[in-house]
Amino acid sequence: MKIAVSKASGSVKYGNYGAWLRAADPEIEIVDCIGMTPEQAVLALEECDGLVLSGGADVEPERYGQPEKRPLCHDCDPARDVLEIALVKAAVEMNMPVLGICRGAQIMNVAYGGTLVADLPTAIGLAVEHRTVDGHDGHHAIEVEPGSLIKRICRVIEGEVNTAHHQAVERLAPVFAPSAMADDGTIEAFEAADATLGGRPFILAVQWHPERMEWENPLSMNIAVHFVNEAHAFGALVKGTK
């Protein structure tokens, strides 16, 4: 089975995505989309059973209509924005399972009309530290929404996650619904708004990095296993009927 990852190389951290997914299924082949044109990436996606949008640089604020926020952003990568928006739109059109992680969650929200907080300390302060601390992931508590995908997958209503971001969802796109929140009101996870009705494919976005948490944490490996199972089902039930 092939899983597309928007960026799965370039550093040890990017390699963690493949290791995490293969811990759920050692037979997974990772298709690294970085360096492809959007057209090439969408063609490669057609041979895959799931899409992971990985972490990384800030989303260009012009993408969500707030260019004045550009001085608050770090290392924007407009080409990657275009690539990942094309990938997520194509994956959703195919009813393919999609998992967004950190930046991946942010670009998913922007792709469907949402906006971002460009810098959390500037916007809401430091009551909860979301950024890295001395170069290492921070940690903070989250509360999980009852009935959400996170609740059903991870079987917790609260927990602790790692954190390494200074941007987050500001206005959530209407097609999504919150799945988990931090104590300061930051949306930490979201899903398709009508997912509880069973009418949409698996779409989940998390602001933390489950691939580099302790895998025993309920909010880590459970997500990988569920995503991989959804990808297997997509391959068998959706692609297999074409």
Protein backbone atom coordinates (compact mmCIF):
# COMPACT_ATOMS: atom_id res chain seq x y z
CA MET A 1 0.00 0.00 0.00
CA LYS A 2 1.21 3.48 -0.85
CA ILE A 3 0.74 6.57 1.31
CA ALA A 4 1.53 10.01 -0.10
CA VAL A 5 3.27 12.43 2.26
CA SER A 6 3.51 16.04 1.13
CA LYS A 7 7.07 16.28 2.48
CA ALA A 8 8.79 13.19 3.92
CA SER A 9 12.47 14.01 3.51
CA GLY A 10 15.07 16.70 4.15
CA SER A 11 15.70 16.08 7.85
CA VAL A 12 15.39 13.43 10.54
CA LYS A 13 12.10 14.97 11.63
CA TYR A 14 10.59 14.51 8.19
CA GLY A 15 11.70 10.89 8.23
CA ASN A 16 9.59 10.35 11.34
CA TYR A 17 6.38 10.37 9.32
CA GLY A 18 7.31 7.23 7.41
CA ALA A 19 8.61 5.46 10.51
CA TRP A 20 5.40 6.23 12.41
CA LEU A 21 3.15 4.98 9.61
CA ARG A 22 5.25 1.86 9.05
CA ALA A 23 4.98 1.08 12.76
CA ALA A 24 1.26 0.68 12.04
CA ASP A 25 1.92 -1.34 8.86
CA PRO A 26 5.48 -2.34 7.88
CA GLU A 27 4.40 -2.90 4.26
CA ILE A 28 3.57 0.77 3.60
CA GLU A 29 5.47 2.49 0.80
CA ILE A 30 5.90 6.24 1.31
CA VAL A 31 5.49 8.46 -1.76
CA ASP A 32 7.33 11.71 -1.01
CA CYS A 33 5.68 14.53 -2.98
CA ILE A 34 8.15 17.31 -2.19
CA GLY A 35 9.93 18.52 -5.31
CA MET A 36 7.09 17.45 -7.59
CA THR A 37 4.97 19.92 -9.50
CA PRO A 38 1.33 20.01 -8.35
CA GLU A 39 0.38 18.15 -11.51
CA GLN A 40 2.98 15.43 -10.90
CA ALA A 41 1.93 15.11 -7.27
CA VAL A 42 -1.74 14.67 -8.12
CA LEU A 43 -0.84 11.96 -10.65
CA ALA A 44 1.28 10.21 -8.01
CA LEU A 45 -1.60 10.54 -5.54
CA GLU A 46 -3.84 8.55 -7.84
CA GLU A 47 -1.65 5.51 -7.15
CA CYS A 48 -1.95 5.95 -3.37
CA ASP A 49 -4.49 5.03 -0.70
CA GLY A 50 -4.03 7.93 1.70
CA LEU A 51 -2.52 11.39 2.07
CA VAL A 52 -0.56 12.90 4.96
CA LEU A 53 0.12 16.63 4.92
CA SER A 54 3.23 17.07 7.05
CA GLY A 55 4.59 19.91 9.20
CA GLY A 56 6.92 22.71 8.16
CA ALA A 57 7.10 26.38 7.24
CA ASP A 58 4.36 28.96 7.75
CA VAL A 59 1.56 29.29 5.22
CA GLU A 60 1.79 32.45 3.11
CA PRO A 61 -0.85 34.80 4.65
CA GLU A 62 -1.90 36.05 1.22
CA ARG A 63 -3.46 32.60 0.82
CA TYR A 64 -6.09 33.50 3.40
CA GLY A 65 -6.51 37.14 2.46
CA GLN A 66 -4.40 38.74 5.23
CA PRO A 67 -1.13 39.88 3.59
CA GLU A 68 -0.58 42.37 6.40
CA LYS A 69 0.38 39.42 8.63
CA ARG A 70 3.48 38.63 6.54
CA PRO A 71 5.94 40.25 9.04
CA LEU A 72 4.72 37.80 11.71
CA CYS A 73 5.45 34.73 9.56
CA HIS A 74 8.59 32.61 9.28
CA ASP A 75 10.09 30.93 6.22
CA CYS A 76 6.96 30.90 4.05
CA ASP A 77 7.08 28.46 1.15
CA PRO A 78 4.56 29.55 -1.52
CA ALA A 79 5.41 26.64 -3.84
CA ARG A 80 4.67 24.15 -1.08
CA ASP A 81 1.38 25.94 -0.36
CA VAL A 82 0.32 25.41 -3.98
CA LEU A 83 1.44 21.78 -3.93
CA GLU A 84 -0.40 20.90 -0.75
CA ILE A 85 -3.62 22.70 -1.66
CA ALA A 86 -3.67 20.76 -4.94
CA LEU A 87 -3.03 17.51 -3.07
CA VAL A 88 -5.72 17.94 -0.43
CA LYS A 89 -8.33 19.06 -2.97
CA ALA A 90 -7.56 16.06 -5.17
CA ALA A 91 -7.59 13.62 -2.24
CA VAL A 92 -10.95 14.87 -0.96
CA GLU A 93 -12.37 14.70 -4.48
CA MET A 94 -11.29 11.03 -4.59
CA ASN A 95 -12.78 10.35 -1.12
CA MET A 96 -9.26 9.39 0.00
CA PRO A 97 -8.34 9.42 3.72
CA VAL A 98 -6.46 12.63 4.63
CA LEU A 99 -4.44 13.38 7.76
CA GLY A 100 -3.00 16.85 8.36
CA ILE A 101 -0.25 17.38 10.95
CA CYS A 102 0.76 20.84 12.30
CA ARG A 103 1.35 22.93 9.15
CA GLY A 104 -0.66 20.24 7.38
CA ALA A 105 -3.68 21.12 9.51
CA GLN A 106 -3.19 24.80 8.79
CA ILE A 107 -2.96 24.41 5.01
CA MET A 108 -6.07 22.18 5.05
CA ASN A 109 -7.99 24.94 6.80
CA VAL A 110 -6.73 27.58 4.36
CA ALA A 111 -7.50 25.36 1.35
CA TYR A 112 -11.18 25.38 2.29
CA GLY A 113 -11.51 29.08 3.15
CA GLY A 114 -10.35 29.28 6.76
CA THR A 115 -7.86 31.75 8.23
CA LEU A 116 -4.88 31.48 10.56
CA VAL A 117 -3.51 33.19 13.64
CA ALA A 118 -0.13 34.33 12.27
CA ASP A 119 1.59 34.43 15.67
CA LEU A 120 -0.02 33.04 18.81
CA PRO A 121 2.05 35.03 21.36
CA THR A 122 1.13 38.27 19.58
CA ALA A 123 -2.54 37.39 19.23
CA ILE A 124 -3.39 35.65 22.51
CA GLY A 125 -0.31 35.73 24.73
CA LEU A 126 1.61 32.98 26.48
CA ALA A 127 -0.93 31.45 28.86
CA VAL A 128 -0.26 28.23 26.95
CA GLU A 129 3.17 27.85 25.32
CA HIS A 130 2.67 26.33 21.88
CA ARG A 131 6.18 26.92 20.56
CA THR A 132 9.34 24.86 20.96
CA VAL A 133 11.30 25.34 24.18
CA ASP A 134 15.11 25.51 23.83
CA GLY A 135 14.82 23.76 20.50
CA HIS A 136 12.64 20.92 21.83
CA ASP A 137 8.91 20.28 21.51
CA GLY A 138 6.86 21.82 24.26
CA HIS A 139 3.90 20.04 25.89
CA HIS A 140 0.45 21.13 26.95
CA ALA A 141 -2.96 19.71 27.79
CA ILE A 142 -5.89 19.38 25.40
CA GLU A 143 -9.57 18.67 25.86
CA VAL A 144 -11.22 16.36 23.32
CA GLU A 145 -14.70 17.04 21.97
CA PRO A 146 -17.25 14.32 22.88
CA GLY A 147 -18.34 12.38 19.80
CA SER A 148 -15.36 13.52 17.75
CA LEU A 149 -13.04 11.34 15.68
CA ILE A 150 -10.26 11.93 18.21
CA LYS A 151 -12.53 10.66 21.00
CA ARG A 152 -13.49 7.54 19.04
CA ILE A 153 -9.97 6.80 17.80
CA CYS A 154 -7.95 7.62 20.92
CA ARG A 155 -10.59 6.90 23.58
CA VAL A 156 -9.70 9.86 25.75
CA ILE A 157 -11.47 13.09 26.62
CA GLU A 158 -8.28 14.85 27.66
CA GLY A 159 -4.56 14.34 27.34
CA GLU A 160 -1.14 15.88 26.82
CA VAL A 161 0.39 16.52 23.41
CA ASN A 162 3.68 17.86 22.13
CA THR A 163 3.70 21.27 20.49
CA ALA A 164 6.02 23.11 18.10
CA HIS A 165 4.08 25.87 16.36
CA HIS A 166 3.41 29.58 16.60
CA GLN A 167 0.50 29.62 14.15
CA ALA A 168 -2.93 28.01 14.45
CA VAL A 169 -6.48 28.07 13.15
CA GLU A 170 -8.15 31.44 13.53
CA ARG A 171 -11.47 30.98 11.68
CA LEU A 172 -12.18 27.33 10.98
CA ALA A 173 -13.46 26.64 7.46
CA PRO A 174 -17.20 25.82 7.52
CA VAL A 175 -16.63 22.31 6.15
CA PHE A 176 -14.74 21.40 9.35
CA ALA A 177 -15.65 21.02 13.02
CA PRO A 178 -13.33 21.20 16.07
CA SER A 179 -12.18 17.90 17.58
CA ALA A 180 -9.91 19.12 20.40
CA MET A 181 -8.96 22.40 22.08
CA ALA A 182 -6.14 23.78 24.21
CA ASP A 183 -6.89 25.62 27.45
CA ASP A 184 -6.42 28.99 25.74
CA GLY A 185 -9.09 28.22 23.14
CA THR A 186 -6.70 27.25 20.33
CA ILE A 187 -8.17 24.59 18.05
CA GLU A 188 -5.84 21.59 18.35
CA ALA A 189 -7.67 19.20 16.03
CA PHE A 190 -10.53 19.28 13.55
CA GLU A 191 -12.42 16.94 11.25
CA ALA A 192 -15.06 16.96 8.52
CA ALA A 193 -18.12 18.75 9.89
CA ASP A 194 -20.53 15.91 9.13
CA ALA A 195 -18.16 13.04 9.96
CA THR A 196 -20.54 11.73 12.65
CA LEU A 197 -23.12 11.06 9.94
CA GLY A 198 -20.79 8.71 8.11
CA GLY A 199 -21.22 10.67 4.91
CA ARG A 200 -17.63 11.80 4.42
CA PRO A 201 -14.27 10.10 4.03
CA PHE A 202 -11.73 10.10 6.87
CA ILE A 203 -10.49 13.69 7.21
CA LEU A 204 -8.58 14.61 10.36
CA ALA A 205 -6.15 17.40 11.22
CA VAL A 206 -4.09 17.69 14.40
CA GLN A 207 -1.92 20.59 15.50
CA TRP A 208 0.48 18.38 17.46
CA HIS A 209 3.08 15.94 16.06
CA PRO A 210 1.90 12.40 16.86
CA GLU A 211 4.74 10.96 14.76
CA ARG A 212 7.33 12.24 17.25
CA MET A 213 5.48 11.71 20.51
CA GLU A 214 5.87 8.59 22.61
CA TRP A 215 3.87 6.12 20.55
CA GLU A 216 2.27 4.73 23.72
CA ASN A 217 0.51 8.07 24.21
CA PRO A 218 -3.17 7.50 23.29
CA LEU A 219 -2.96 10.56 21.02
CA SER A 220 -0.12 9.14 18.90
CA MET A 221 -0.07 5.60 17.49
CA ASN A 222 -3.85 5.20 17.70
CA ILE A 223 -4.10 7.89 15.03
CA ALA A 224 -1.60 6.15 12.75
CA VAL A 225 -3.33 2.78 13.10
CA HIS A 226 -6.77 4.22 12.39
CA PHE A 227 -5.51 6.23 9.41
CA VAL A 228 -3.77 3.17 7.95
CA ASN A 229 -6.92 1.09 8.42
CA GLU A 230 -8.92 3.76 6.61
CA ALA A 231 -6.37 3.72 3.79
CA HIS A 232 -6.65 -0.07 3.49
CA ALA A 233 -10.43 0.25 3.33
CA PHE A 234 -10.18 2.96 0.68
CA GLY A 235 -7.92 0.77 -1.42
CA ALA A 236 -10.22 -2.22 -1.12
CA LEU A 237 -13.65 -0.60 -1.27
CA VAL A 238 -13.17 2.57 -3.32
CA LYS A 239 -10.22 2.00 -5.63
CA GLY A 240 -11.06 -1.68 -5.87
CA THR A 241 -14.44 -0.91 -7.44
CA LYS A 242 -13.00 1.22 -10.23
